[in-house]
């Protein structure tokens, strides 16, 4: 399989999985009794109030929100996989310049996900 074909498959599967998880989470949230409690600013799953470790600990008690977070995670990770595939292809082709540039892009993507954003 060529790189372009693999990238198309990764992007389509990532998008489809993300949409499926997000829709399932929205449907479950709408059908559940705690929809208004989750939407509250003081909700235990409000990612702006709590650190990620505490947020992750609260997700099992809110399966709809867990599905939404998983859908967003898949959506964020899909481009990382795409760039990682490009790095592997450029290494295989022994293209030093494109390998270095793509590793730099991959590092920037990973840093942007790992470091907390302060706006």
N, C-alpha and C. Protein backbone atom coordinates (compact mmCIF):
# COMPACT_ATOMS: atom_id res chain seq x y z
N UNK A 1 0.85 -1.18 0.00
CA UNK A 1 0.00 0.00 0.00
C UNK A 1 0.89 1.24 0.00
N UNK A 2 0.59 2.15 -0.88
CA UNK A 2 1.34 3.40 -0.97
C UNK A 2 1.02 4.31 0.21
N UNK A 3 1.89 5.27 0.47
CA UNK A 3 1.69 6.21 1.57
C UNK A 3 0.38 6.96 1.43
N UNK A 4 0.08 7.42 0.25
CA UNK A 4 -1.14 8.19 0.03
C UNK A 4 -2.38 7.36 0.37
N UNK A 5 -2.36 6.09 -0.01
CA UNK A 5 -3.48 5.20 0.29
C UNK A 5 -3.62 4.97 1.80
N UNK A 6 -2.48 4.77 2.48
CA UNK A 6 -2.51 4.57 3.92
C UNK A 6 -3.02 5.83 4.63
N UNK A 7 -2.62 6.99 4.16
CA UNK A 7 -3.06 8.24 4.77
C UNK A 7 -4.57 8.41 4.59
N UNK A 8 -5.06 8.11 3.41
CA UNK A 8 -6.51 8.21 3.17
C UNK A 8 -7.27 7.28 4.11
N UNK A 9 -6.78 6.06 4.27
CA UNK A 9 -7.45 5.09 5.16
C UNK A 9 -7.42 5.60 6.59
N UNK A 10 -6.27 6.07 7.06
CA UNK A 10 -6.15 6.57 8.44
C UNK A 10 -7.09 7.75 8.67
N UNK A 11 -7.12 8.68 7.74
CA UNK A 11 -7.97 9.86 7.92
C UNK A 11 -9.45 9.48 7.90
N UNK A 12 -9.85 8.60 7.01
CA UNK A 12 -11.26 8.19 6.94
C UNK A 12 -11.69 7.40 8.17
N UNK A 13 -10.86 6.45 8.58
CA UNK A 13 -11.19 5.65 9.75
C UNK A 13 -11.20 6.53 11.01
N UNK A 14 -10.23 7.41 11.13
CA UNK A 14 -10.19 8.31 12.28
C UNK A 14 -11.40 9.21 12.34
N UNK A 15 -11.79 9.77 11.22
CA UNK A 15 -12.96 10.65 11.19
C UNK A 15 -14.23 9.86 11.48
N UNK A 16 -14.37 8.68 10.87
CA UNK A 16 -15.57 7.87 11.08
C UNK A 16 -15.68 7.44 12.55
N UNK A 17 -14.57 7.02 13.14
CA UNK A 17 -14.59 6.59 14.55
C UNK A 17 -14.92 7.78 15.45
N UNK A 18 -14.35 8.92 15.15
CA UNK A 18 -14.62 10.12 15.95
C UNK A 18 -16.09 10.52 15.87
N UNK A 19 -16.63 10.55 14.67
CA UNK A 19 -18.04 10.92 14.50
C UNK A 19 -18.95 9.92 15.21
N UNK A 20 -18.63 8.63 15.10
CA UNK A 20 -19.46 7.60 15.75
C UNK A 20 -19.44 7.78 17.27
N UNK A 21 -18.25 8.02 17.84
CA UNK A 21 -18.15 8.21 19.29
C UNK A 21 -18.87 9.48 19.73
N UNK A 22 -18.70 10.56 18.97
CA UNK A 22 -19.36 11.82 19.33
C UNK A 22 -20.89 11.69 19.24
N UNK A 23 -21.37 11.06 18.19
CA UNK A 23 -22.83 10.88 18.06
C UNK A 23 -23.37 9.99 19.17
N UNK A 24 -22.67 8.91 19.48
CA UNK A 24 -23.11 8.03 20.56
C UNK A 24 -23.13 8.78 21.89
N UNK A 25 -22.11 9.58 22.13
CA UNK A 25 -22.07 10.37 23.36
C UNK A 25 -23.19 11.38 23.43
N UNK A 26 -23.47 12.05 22.30
CA UNK A 26 -24.57 13.03 22.29
C UNK A 26 -25.92 12.36 22.49
N UNK A 27 -26.12 11.22 21.84
CA UNK A 27 -27.39 10.50 22.02
C UNK A 27 -27.57 10.01 23.45
N UNK A 28 -26.50 9.48 24.02
CA UNK A 28 -26.56 9.00 25.40
C UNK A 28 -26.76 10.16 26.37
N UNK A 29 -26.13 11.27 26.09
CA UNK A 29 -26.28 12.45 26.94
C UNK A 29 -27.70 12.98 26.87
N UNK A 30 -28.27 13.03 25.68
CA UNK A 30 -29.63 13.52 25.52
C UNK A 30 -30.67 12.60 26.15
N UNK A 31 -30.38 11.30 26.15
CA UNK A 31 -31.33 10.33 26.69
C UNK A 31 -31.19 10.17 28.20
N UNK A 32 -30.06 10.59 28.74
CA UNK A 32 -29.80 10.39 30.17
C UNK A 32 -30.46 11.44 31.05
N UNK A 33 -30.65 11.11 32.31
CA UNK A 33 -31.29 12.04 33.23
C UNK A 33 -30.38 13.16 33.71
N UNK A 34 -29.06 12.99 33.54
CA UNK A 34 -28.14 13.98 34.10
C UNK A 34 -27.59 14.95 33.07
N UNK A 35 -28.32 15.19 31.99
CA UNK A 35 -27.83 16.10 30.95
C UNK A 35 -27.62 17.51 31.49
N UNK A 36 -28.53 18.00 32.31
CA UNK A 36 -28.37 19.37 32.84
C UNK A 36 -27.24 19.42 33.87
N UNK A 37 -27.03 18.34 34.62
CA UNK A 37 -25.94 18.33 35.60
C UNK A 37 -24.58 18.34 34.93
N UNK A 38 -24.47 17.67 33.80
CA UNK A 38 -23.21 17.64 33.07
C UNK A 38 -22.93 18.99 32.43
N UNK A 39 -23.96 19.69 32.01
CA UNK A 39 -23.79 20.99 31.36
C UNK A 39 -23.48 22.10 32.34
N UNK A 40 -23.63 21.86 33.61
CA UNK A 40 -23.38 22.86 34.64
C UNK A 40 -21.90 23.25 34.67
N UNK A 41 -21.64 24.50 35.03
CA UNK A 41 -20.26 24.95 35.16
C UNK A 41 -19.54 24.25 36.31
N UNK A 42 -20.27 23.77 37.28
CA UNK A 42 -19.68 23.07 38.43
C UNK A 42 -19.69 21.56 38.25
N UNK A 43 -19.90 21.11 37.03
CA UNK A 43 -19.95 19.69 36.73
C UNK A 43 -18.60 19.04 37.03
N UNK A 44 -18.61 17.80 37.52
CA UNK A 44 -17.34 17.09 37.78
C UNK A 44 -16.59 16.70 36.51
N UNK A 45 -17.19 16.93 35.36
CA UNK A 45 -16.49 16.63 34.10
C UNK A 45 -16.18 17.91 33.31
N UNK A 46 -16.21 19.05 33.97
CA UNK A 46 -15.87 20.31 33.32
C UNK A 46 -14.35 20.39 33.22
N UNK A 47 -13.84 20.29 32.02
CA UNK A 47 -12.39 20.22 31.83
C UNK A 47 -11.68 21.53 32.13
N UNK A 48 -12.39 22.64 32.24
CA UNK A 48 -11.73 23.90 32.55
C UNK A 48 -11.53 24.09 34.04
N UNK A 49 -12.23 23.31 34.86
CA UNK A 49 -12.12 23.46 36.32
C UNK A 49 -11.17 22.46 36.96
N UNK A 50 -11.02 21.30 36.34
CA UNK A 50 -10.29 20.23 37.00
C UNK A 50 -9.08 19.80 36.18
N UNK A 51 -8.03 19.34 36.84
CA UNK A 51 -6.87 18.80 36.10
C UNK A 51 -7.26 17.50 35.41
N UNK A 52 -6.52 17.13 34.37
CA UNK A 52 -6.87 15.93 33.59
C UNK A 52 -6.98 14.65 34.43
N UNK A 53 -6.15 14.48 35.45
CA UNK A 53 -6.22 13.26 36.26
C UNK A 53 -7.56 13.16 36.98
N UNK A 54 -8.03 14.28 37.55
CA UNK A 54 -9.31 14.26 38.26
C UNK A 54 -10.46 14.12 37.27
N UNK A 55 -10.30 14.75 36.11
CA UNK A 55 -11.31 14.63 35.06
C UNK A 55 -11.46 13.18 34.63
N UNK A 56 -10.35 12.50 34.41
CA UNK A 56 -10.38 11.10 33.99
C UNK A 56 -11.00 10.22 35.07
N UNK A 57 -10.79 10.55 36.33
CA UNK A 57 -11.37 9.77 37.42
C UNK A 57 -12.89 9.93 37.47
N UNK A 58 -13.42 11.07 37.00
CA UNK A 58 -14.86 11.32 37.03
C UNK A 58 -15.60 10.76 35.80
N UNK A 59 -14.88 10.41 34.76
CA UNK A 59 -15.52 9.97 33.53
C UNK A 59 -16.31 8.66 33.65
N UNK A 60 -15.86 7.67 34.41
CA UNK A 60 -16.67 6.43 34.48
C UNK A 60 -18.09 6.65 35.01
N UNK A 61 -18.28 7.66 35.81
CA UNK A 61 -19.63 7.91 36.32
C UNK A 61 -20.49 8.68 35.32
N UNK A 62 -19.89 9.10 34.21
CA UNK A 62 -20.61 9.83 33.15
C UNK A 62 -20.25 9.22 31.80
N UNK A 63 -20.86 8.09 31.43
CA UNK A 63 -20.47 7.41 30.18
C UNK A 63 -20.69 8.25 28.93
N UNK A 64 -21.70 9.10 28.91
CA UNK A 64 -21.94 9.93 27.73
C UNK A 64 -20.78 10.90 27.52
N UNK A 65 -20.33 11.50 28.60
CA UNK A 65 -19.21 12.44 28.51
C UNK A 65 -17.93 11.70 28.16
N UNK A 66 -17.78 10.48 28.68
CA UNK A 66 -16.60 9.68 28.34
C UNK A 66 -16.55 9.41 26.83
N UNK A 67 -17.70 9.09 26.24
CA UNK A 67 -17.75 8.87 24.79
C UNK A 67 -17.40 10.15 24.03
N UNK A 68 -17.89 11.28 24.52
CA UNK A 68 -17.57 12.56 23.87
C UNK A 68 -16.07 12.85 23.93
N UNK A 69 -15.48 12.62 25.10
CA UNK A 69 -14.04 12.85 25.23
C UNK A 69 -13.25 11.89 24.36
N UNK A 70 -13.68 10.63 24.26
CA UNK A 70 -12.98 9.68 23.40
C UNK A 70 -13.09 10.10 21.94
N UNK A 71 -14.26 10.59 21.53
CA UNK A 71 -14.43 11.06 20.16
C UNK A 71 -13.51 12.22 19.84
N UNK A 72 -13.39 13.14 20.79
CA UNK A 72 -12.48 14.28 20.59
C UNK A 72 -11.02 13.82 20.58
N UNK A 73 -10.69 12.85 21.43
CA UNK A 73 -9.32 12.33 21.46
C UNK A 73 -8.95 11.67 20.13
N UNK A 74 -9.86 10.88 19.58
CA UNK A 74 -9.61 10.25 18.28
C UNK A 74 -9.44 11.31 17.20
N UNK A 75 -10.26 12.36 17.26
CA UNK A 75 -10.16 13.44 16.28
C UNK A 75 -8.82 14.16 16.38
N UNK A 76 -8.30 14.32 17.59
CA UNK A 76 -7.01 14.98 17.77
C UNK A 76 -5.83 14.07 17.41
N UNK A 77 -5.97 12.78 17.64
CA UNK A 77 -4.86 11.86 17.39
C UNK A 77 -4.73 11.50 15.91
N UNK A 78 -5.81 11.60 15.15
CA UNK A 78 -5.78 11.22 13.73
C UNK A 78 -4.69 11.96 12.94
N UNK A 79 -4.57 13.29 13.05
CA UNK A 79 -3.48 13.95 12.31
C UNK A 79 -2.09 13.53 12.78
N UNK A 80 -1.95 13.19 14.06
CA UNK A 80 -0.65 12.71 14.54
C UNK A 80 -0.26 11.41 13.85
N UNK A 81 -1.22 10.52 13.70
CA UNK A 81 -0.94 9.25 13.02
C UNK A 81 -0.58 9.51 11.56
N UNK A 82 -1.26 10.45 10.95
CA UNK A 82 -0.99 10.79 9.55
C UNK A 82 0.44 11.30 9.39
N UNK A 83 0.87 12.19 10.29
CA UNK A 83 2.23 12.73 10.21
C UNK A 83 3.26 11.64 10.55
N UNK A 84 2.95 10.77 11.48
CA UNK A 84 3.86 9.67 11.80
C UNK A 84 4.04 8.73 10.61
N UNK A 85 2.96 8.49 9.87
CA UNK A 85 3.08 7.69 8.64
C UNK A 85 3.99 8.38 7.63
N UNK A 86 3.87 9.70 7.54
CA UNK A 86 4.72 10.44 6.61
C UNK A 86 6.19 10.34 7.03
N UNK A 87 6.47 10.41 8.34
CA UNK A 87 7.85 10.26 8.83
C UNK A 87 8.39 8.89 8.42
N UNK A 88 7.59 7.85 8.64
CA UNK A 88 8.03 6.50 8.29
C UNK A 88 8.32 6.38 6.79
N UNK A 89 7.49 6.98 5.99
CA UNK A 89 7.70 6.91 4.54
C UNK A 89 8.96 7.66 4.12
N UNK A 90 9.18 8.84 4.69
CA UNK A 90 10.37 9.60 4.32
C UNK A 90 11.65 8.93 4.81
N UNK A 91 11.59 8.26 5.95
CA UNK A 91 12.74 7.50 6.44
C UNK A 91 13.01 6.34 5.48
N UNK A 92 11.94 5.67 5.05
CA UNK A 92 12.08 4.55 4.12
C UNK A 92 12.70 5.00 2.80
N UNK A 93 12.33 6.21 2.36
CA UNK A 93 12.87 6.76 1.11
C UNK A 93 14.25 7.38 1.29
N UNK A 94 14.72 7.45 2.54
CA UNK A 94 16.00 8.07 2.88
C UNK A 94 16.06 9.54 2.44
N UNK A 95 14.96 10.23 2.60
CA UNK A 95 14.88 11.66 2.29
C UNK A 95 15.13 12.45 3.58
N UNK A 96 16.35 12.89 3.76
CA UNK A 96 16.77 13.51 5.02
C UNK A 96 16.04 14.81 5.29
N UNK A 97 15.89 15.65 4.29
CA UNK A 97 15.26 16.96 4.50
C UNK A 97 13.80 16.80 4.90
N UNK A 98 13.04 16.02 4.15
CA UNK A 98 11.63 15.84 4.48
C UNK A 98 11.44 15.07 5.79
N UNK A 99 12.34 14.16 6.08
CA UNK A 99 12.27 13.45 7.36
C UNK A 99 12.44 14.43 8.51
N UNK A 100 13.44 15.28 8.42
CA UNK A 100 13.69 16.27 9.48
C UNK A 100 12.50 17.23 9.63
N UNK A 101 11.99 17.73 8.51
CA UNK A 101 10.85 18.65 8.58
C UNK A 101 9.61 17.99 9.16
N UNK A 102 9.37 16.75 8.76
CA UNK A 102 8.18 16.06 9.24
C UNK A 102 8.32 15.68 10.71
N UNK A 103 9.52 15.33 11.15
CA UNK A 103 9.74 15.07 12.58
C UNK A 103 9.51 16.35 13.38
N UNK A 104 9.94 17.48 12.83
CA UNK A 104 9.70 18.76 13.50
C UNK A 104 8.20 19.03 13.62
N UNK A 105 7.45 18.80 12.56
CA UNK A 105 5.99 19.00 12.60
C UNK A 105 5.36 18.05 13.61
N UNK A 106 5.78 16.79 13.62
CA UNK A 106 5.26 15.82 14.58
C UNK A 106 5.56 16.25 16.01
N UNK A 107 6.77 16.73 16.25
CA UNK A 107 7.13 17.20 17.59
C UNK A 107 6.26 18.39 18.00
N UNK A 108 6.00 19.30 17.09
CA UNK A 108 5.16 20.46 17.42
C UNK A 108 3.72 20.03 17.73
N UNK A 109 3.22 19.06 16.99
CA UNK A 109 1.88 18.55 17.27
C UNK A 109 1.80 17.89 18.64
N UNK A 110 2.81 17.10 18.96
CA UNK A 110 2.82 16.42 20.26
C UNK A 110 2.95 17.43 21.39
N UNK A 111 3.84 18.39 21.22
CA UNK A 111 4.00 19.43 22.25
C UNK A 111 2.72 20.21 22.45
N UNK A 112 2.04 20.53 21.38
CA UNK A 112 0.80 21.30 21.50
C UNK A 112 -0.30 20.52 22.22
N UNK A 113 -0.26 19.19 22.15
CA UNK A 113 -1.24 18.38 22.88
C UNK A 113 -0.84 18.16 24.33
N UNK A 114 0.46 18.08 24.59
CA UNK A 114 0.93 17.76 25.94
C UNK A 114 0.96 18.98 26.85
N UNK A 115 1.44 20.09 26.34
CA UNK A 115 1.54 21.29 27.17
C UNK A 115 0.15 21.90 27.37
N UNK A 116 -0.13 22.32 28.58
CA UNK A 116 -1.43 22.97 28.81
C UNK A 116 -1.46 24.33 28.13
N UNK A 117 -2.61 24.67 27.59
CA UNK A 117 -2.76 25.96 26.92
C UNK A 117 -3.14 27.04 27.91
N UNK A 118 -2.44 28.14 27.83
CA UNK A 118 -2.76 29.30 28.68
C UNK A 118 -3.05 30.47 27.77
N UNK A 119 -4.31 30.83 27.70
CA UNK A 119 -4.73 31.93 26.83
C UNK A 119 -5.04 33.14 27.67
